[in-house]
Amino acid sequence: MKHSVKFSDAIHIMSYIEMYQGTDLSSDTIALSVTTNPVSVRKIMSQLKKSGLIISKNGKAEPKLARRPDTITLYDIYKSVAPEEKIFHVDETTEPACLIGGNIQTVLNQTYDTWQKKVEDDMKQTTLSMIIEGIAQAEQQRNPERQGNEERIAPYL
Protein backbone atom coordinates (compact mmCIF):
# COMPACT_ATOMS: atom_id res chain seq x y z
CA MET A 1 0.00 0.00 0.00
CA LYS A 2 1.59 3.25 -1.14
CA HIS A 3 0.86 6.58 0.44
CA SER A 4 1.72 10.11 -0.62
CA VAL A 5 3.97 12.37 1.43
CA LYS A 6 3.33 15.39 -0.78
CA PHE A 7 1.19 17.12 1.88
CA SER A 8 3.83 16.57 4.55
CA ASP A 9 6.54 17.77 2.16
CA ALA A 10 4.53 20.90 1.31
CA ILE A 11 4.22 21.78 5.01
CA HIS A 12 7.94 21.10 5.40
CA ILE A 13 8.79 23.36 2.43
CA MET A 14 6.60 26.21 3.65
CA SER A 15 8.05 25.96 7.17
CA TYR A 16 11.56 25.99 5.71
CA ILE A 17 10.81 29.05 3.58
CA GLU A 18 9.50 30.92 6.61
CA MET A 19 12.23 29.92 9.07
CA TYR A 20 15.14 30.28 6.66
CA GLN A 21 14.20 33.61 5.01
CA GLY A 22 17.31 35.49 3.95
CA THR A 23 19.32 32.34 3.23
CA ASP A 24 19.72 30.09 0.20
CA LEU A 25 16.17 28.93 -0.54
CA SER A 26 16.96 27.11 -3.75
CA SER A 27 15.13 23.88 -4.48
CA ASP A 28 18.49 22.10 -4.14
CA THR A 29 18.93 23.38 -0.58
CA ILE A 30 15.33 22.72 0.46
CA ALA A 31 15.53 19.23 -1.08
CA LEU A 32 18.39 18.39 1.29
CA SER A 33 16.14 19.10 4.27
CA VAL A 34 13.17 17.20 2.84
CA THR A 35 15.48 14.42 1.60
CA THR A 36 13.94 14.39 -1.83
CA ASN A 37 15.07 15.58 -5.22
CA PRO A 38 14.94 19.24 -6.26
CA VAL A 39 12.45 18.47 -9.05
CA SER A 40 9.91 17.26 -6.45
CA VAL A 41 10.46 20.44 -4.43
CA ARG A 42 9.94 22.60 -7.53
CA LYS A 43 6.72 20.74 -8.42
CA ILE A 44 5.29 21.26 -4.94
CA MET A 45 6.40 24.89 -4.90
CA SER A 46 4.71 25.40 -8.26
CA GLN A 47 1.44 24.10 -6.82
CA LEU A 48 1.82 26.32 -3.74
CA LYS A 49 2.48 29.31 -6.00
CA LYS A 50 -0.58 28.57 -8.18
CA SER A 51 -2.68 28.43 -5.02
CA GLY A 52 -1.37 31.79 -3.88
CA LEU A 53 0.43 30.44 -0.82
CA ILE A 54 3.96 31.38 -1.85
CA ILE A 55 5.49 34.05 -4.04
CA SER A 56 8.48 33.18 -6.18
CA LYS A 57 10.16 34.37 -9.32
CA ASN A 58 11.67 32.11 -11.95
CA GLY A 59 15.45 32.02 -11.72
CA LYS A 60 15.58 33.49 -8.20
CA ALA A 61 15.95 31.35 -5.10
CA GLU A 62 13.99 33.77 -2.92
CA PRO A 63 10.52 32.32 -2.34
CA LYS A 64 8.36 33.92 0.33
CA LEU A 65 5.08 33.04 1.96
CA ALA A 66 2.29 35.04 0.34
CA ARG A 67 0.59 35.52 3.72
CA ARG A 68 1.58 35.44 7.35
CA PRO A 69 1.94 31.88 8.68
CA ASP A 70 -0.88 32.45 11.18
CA THR A 71 -3.30 33.01 8.28
CA ILE A 72 -2.33 29.90 6.30
CA THR A 73 -4.11 26.73 7.41
CA LEU A 74 -3.08 23.15 6.83
CA TYR A 75 -6.32 22.84 4.85
CA ASP A 76 -5.06 25.59 2.49
CA ILE A 77 -1.85 23.62 1.96
CA TYR A 78 -3.67 20.29 1.62
CA LYS A 79 -6.02 21.62 -1.06
CA SER A 80 -3.07 23.16 -2.85
CA VAL A 81 -1.13 19.93 -3.29
CA ALA A 82 -3.87 17.29 -3.10
CA PRO A 83 -7.06 18.98 -4.34
CA GLU A 84 -8.91 15.80 -5.26
CA GLU A 85 -7.19 13.35 -2.92
CA LYS A 86 -9.01 11.69 -0.09
CA ILE A 87 -7.22 10.68 3.06
CA PHE A 88 -9.00 7.34 3.39
CA HIS A 89 -9.45 4.86 0.55
CA VAL A 90 -11.69 1.83 0.16
CA ASP A 91 -10.50 -1.26 -1.68
CA GLU A 92 -12.64 -1.19 -4.83
CA THR A 93 -11.75 -4.76 -5.84
CA THR A 94 -13.68 -6.77 -3.27
CA GLU A 95 -15.85 -9.70 -4.35
CA PRO A 96 -19.40 -8.36 -5.03
CA ALA A 97 -21.03 -11.80 -4.56
CA CYS A 98 -19.65 -12.04 -1.02
CA LEU A 99 -21.70 -10.77 1.94
CA ILE A 100 -18.80 -8.61 3.15
CA GLY A 101 -17.21 -7.77 -0.20
CA GLY A 102 -20.54 -6.75 -1.70
CA ASN A 103 -21.40 -4.29 1.05
CA ILE A 104 -18.23 -3.08 2.72
CA GLN A 105 -17.43 -0.46 0.10
CA THR A 106 -20.71 1.41 0.68
CA VAL A 107 -20.43 1.26 4.45
CA LEU A 108 -16.76 2.25 4.54
CA ASN A 109 -17.26 5.07 2.01
CA GLN A 110 -19.92 6.59 4.28
CA THR A 111 -17.65 6.24 7.31
CA TYR A 112 -14.61 7.57 5.48
CA ASP A 113 -16.57 10.57 4.15
CA THR A 114 -17.49 11.47 7.74
CA TRP A 115 -13.88 11.11 8.86
CA GLN A 116 -12.62 13.12 5.86
CA LYS A 117 -14.86 16.05 6.83
CA LYS A 118 -13.72 15.89 10.48
CA VAL A 119 -10.05 15.83 9.51
CA GLU A 120 -10.53 18.70 7.04
CA ASP A 121 -12.32 20.72 9.73
CA ASP A 122 -9.36 20.14 12.06
CA MET A 123 -6.95 21.17 9.31
CA LYS A 124 -8.87 24.46 8.98
CA GLN A 125 -8.14 25.13 12.66
CA THR A 126 -4.41 24.37 12.44
CA THR A 127 -2.18 27.09 11.05
CA LEU A 128 1.29 26.94 9.58
CA SER A 129 2.34 29.19 12.45
CA MET A 130 1.31 26.48 14.93
CA ILE A 131 3.47 23.94 13.08
CA ILE A 132 6.45 26.31 12.98
CA GLU A 133 6.09 27.06 16.69
CA GLY A 134 6.00 23.30 17.32
CA ILE A 135 9.18 22.86 15.28
CA ALA A 136 10.93 25.60 17.30
CA GLN A 137 9.81 24.05 20.59
CA ALA A 138 10.86 20.57 19.50
CA GLU A 139 14.28 21.89 18.47
CA GLN A 140 14.68 23.65 21.81
CA GLN A 141 13.96 20.38 23.62
CA ARG A 142 16.12 18.30 21.30
CA ASN A 143 19.00 20.76 21.39
CA PRO A 144 18.74 22.78 24.66
CA GLU A 145 21.87 24.79 23.91
CA ARG A 146 20.35 25.59 20.48
CA GLN A 147 23.82 25.68 19.06
CA GLY A 148 23.55 27.08 15.56
CA ASN A 149 19.78 27.38 15.59
CA GLU A 150 19.05 29.93 18.32
CA GLU A 151 18.51 32.78 15.84
CA ARG A 152 16.28 30.60 13.65
CA ILE A 153 13.94 29.43 16.41
CA ALA A 154 13.89 32.44 18.76
CA PRO A 155 11.15 34.36 16.87
CA TYR A 156 8.85 31.34 17.08
CA LEU A 157 9.20 30.50 20.78
Foldseek 3Di string as FASTA:
>chain_A
DDDDCLLVLLLQLQLCLVLVQPDQQQLCVSCVVVVHHSVSVVVLVVLCVVLQQWDDDPPDSHIHGSDPQQQAFSLSSCCSRPVPDAPDDDDPPFDCVDPCSVPVVVVVVVVSVVVRVVVSVVRNVHTSLNVSLVVLVVCCVVPVVCVPCCVSSVVSD
